[in-house]
Amino acid sequence: MNALFMLSQAGCTPQGGAQGGQGGSSIMFLVMMVAMIGIMYFVVYRPQAKARKKLEAAINELKKGDRVLTAGGMYGTVVGTSETVVVLEIDKDKGVKIEVNKAMVSQVLPRD
């Protein structure tokens, strides 16, 4: 075991063969890294980017009567919008309304 380690450190192979395979392994490493980055792009980044664009489009098209969920976990009905602010009615019976930044809307709920 020790002799094998010393031979590998010296740059020799145990059978005394040539060391020609080293250049190919670095190319294979680069190919594998590019493949892994490509897989991560298609599995992780691309679906997240699509979902983010879809949510941004839904937030920009908010109108009175839409139900939303905020990042803080509050459900509300849109009663007014401006460039950056959405006015939500939380409790219709008590007339509770809050102003929320549009960026804090995490979900636009489907109409029933």
Protein backbone atom coordinates (compact mmCIF):
# COMPACT_ATOMS: atom_id res chain seq x y z
CA MET A 1 0.00 0.00 0.00
CA ASN A 2 2.81 2.40 0.93
CA ALA A 3 4.75 1.53 -2.21
CA LEU A 4 1.70 2.20 -4.39
CA PHE A 5 1.28 5.61 -2.77
CA MET A 6 4.95 6.49 -3.32
CA LEU A 7 4.73 5.39 -6.97
CA SER A 8 1.68 7.57 -7.55
CA GLN A 9 3.44 10.54 -5.94
CA ALA A 10 6.46 10.02 -8.15
CA GLY A 11 4.29 10.04 -11.26
CA CYS A 12 4.82 6.38 -12.08
CA THR A 13 2.26 3.69 -12.64
CA PRO A 14 2.56 0.29 -10.94
CA GLN A 15 2.69 -1.59 -14.29
CA GLY A 16 5.29 0.80 -15.67
CA GLY A 17 2.96 1.97 -18.44
CA ALA A 18 2.85 5.46 -19.91
CA GLN A 19 0.88 8.16 -18.20
CA GLY A 20 -1.08 9.29 -21.27
CA GLY A 21 -4.57 9.16 -19.72
CA GLN A 22 -4.17 12.28 -17.59
CA GLY A 23 -5.12 14.79 -20.31
CA GLY A 24 -8.37 13.00 -21.12
CA SER A 25 -9.52 12.99 -17.51
CA SER A 26 -9.35 16.80 -17.26
CA ILE A 27 -11.46 17.13 -20.42
CA MET A 28 -13.97 14.62 -19.03
CA PHE A 29 -14.06 16.62 -15.80
CA LEU A 30 -14.93 19.80 -17.73
CA VAL A 31 -17.59 17.96 -19.76
CA MET A 32 -19.14 16.59 -16.57
CA MET A 33 -19.14 20.05 -14.94
CA VAL A 34 -20.84 21.61 -17.98
CA ALA A 35 -23.39 18.78 -17.98
CA MET A 36 -24.10 19.29 -14.25
CA ILE A 37 -24.57 23.04 -14.74
CA GLY A 38 -26.91 22.35 -17.66
CA ILE A 39 -28.96 19.89 -15.62
CA MET A 40 -29.19 22.35 -12.72
CA TYR A 41 -30.35 25.06 -15.11
CA PHE A 42 -33.17 22.97 -16.55
CA VAL A 43 -34.21 21.35 -13.26
CA VAL A 44 -33.93 24.26 -10.82
CA TYR A 45 -33.43 27.71 -12.32
CA ARG A 46 -35.71 27.60 -15.37
CA PRO A 47 -38.88 26.45 -13.55
CA GLN A 48 -38.30 29.01 -10.79
CA ALA A 49 -37.84 31.79 -13.34
CA LYS A 50 -41.07 30.79 -15.12
CA ALA A 51 -43.00 30.77 -11.83
CA ARG A 52 -41.54 34.15 -10.84
CA LYS A 53 -42.52 35.71 -14.18
CA LYS A 54 -46.03 34.26 -13.90
CA LEU A 55 -46.43 35.69 -10.36
CA GLU A 56 -45.10 39.11 -11.44
CA ALA A 57 -47.57 39.20 -14.31
CA ALA A 58 -50.44 38.26 -11.99
CA ILE A 59 -49.42 40.94 -9.47
CA ASN A 60 -49.22 43.60 -12.19
CA GLU A 61 -52.73 42.66 -13.35
CA LEU A 62 -54.33 42.81 -9.88
CA LYS A 63 -57.79 44.35 -9.88
CA LYS A 64 -60.53 45.00 -7.40
CA GLY A 65 -62.07 41.79 -6.06
CA ASP A 66 -59.02 39.53 -6.47
CA ARG A 67 -58.09 37.34 -3.48
CA VAL A 68 -54.42 37.29 -2.51
CA LEU A 69 -52.08 35.79 0.06
CA THR A 70 -49.32 38.01 1.44
CA ALA A 71 -45.83 36.94 2.44
CA GLY A 72 -46.90 37.44 6.05
CA GLY A 73 -49.64 34.83 5.67
CA MET A 74 -52.62 37.19 5.54
CA TYR A 75 -55.49 36.56 3.13
CA GLY A 76 -57.29 39.54 1.72
CA THR A 77 -59.43 40.90 -1.07
CA VAL A 78 -58.05 43.69 -3.24
CA VAL A 79 -60.07 46.90 -2.88
CA GLY A 80 -57.56 49.24 -4.49
CA THR A 81 -54.16 49.34 -6.20
CA SER A 82 -51.52 51.87 -7.09
CA GLU A 83 -48.04 51.66 -8.62
CA THR A 84 -46.43 49.92 -5.61
CA VAL A 85 -49.20 49.47 -3.04
CA VAL A 86 -52.22 47.17 -2.81
CA VAL A 87 -55.07 47.92 -0.41
CA LEU A 88 -56.50 44.70 1.01
CA GLU A 89 -59.71 44.19 2.90
CA ILE A 90 -59.03 41.62 5.59
CA ASP A 91 -62.38 41.52 7.42
CA LYS A 92 -65.43 42.65 5.48
CA ASP A 93 -67.75 42.73 8.52
CA LYS A 94 -65.46 45.00 10.56
CA GLY A 95 -64.12 46.95 7.60
CA VAL A 96 -60.46 46.11 8.33
CA LYS A 97 -58.23 47.28 5.48
CA ILE A 98 -54.44 47.30 5.18
CA GLU A 99 -51.94 48.63 2.68
CA VAL A 100 -49.36 46.14 1.47
CA ASN A 101 -46.41 46.60 -0.86
CA LYS A 102 -47.06 44.72 -4.13
CA ALA A 103 -43.79 42.84 -3.68
CA MET A 104 -45.22 41.23 -0.52
CA VAL A 105 -48.05 39.52 -2.42
CA SER A 106 -46.88 35.91 -2.60
CA GLN A 107 -49.89 34.36 -4.31
CA VAL A 108 -52.90 35.44 -6.32
CA LEU A 109 -55.65 32.97 -5.47
CA PRO A 110 -58.00 31.60 -8.12
CA ARG A 111 -61.53 32.92 -8.22
CA ASP A 112 -64.21 30.52 -7.03
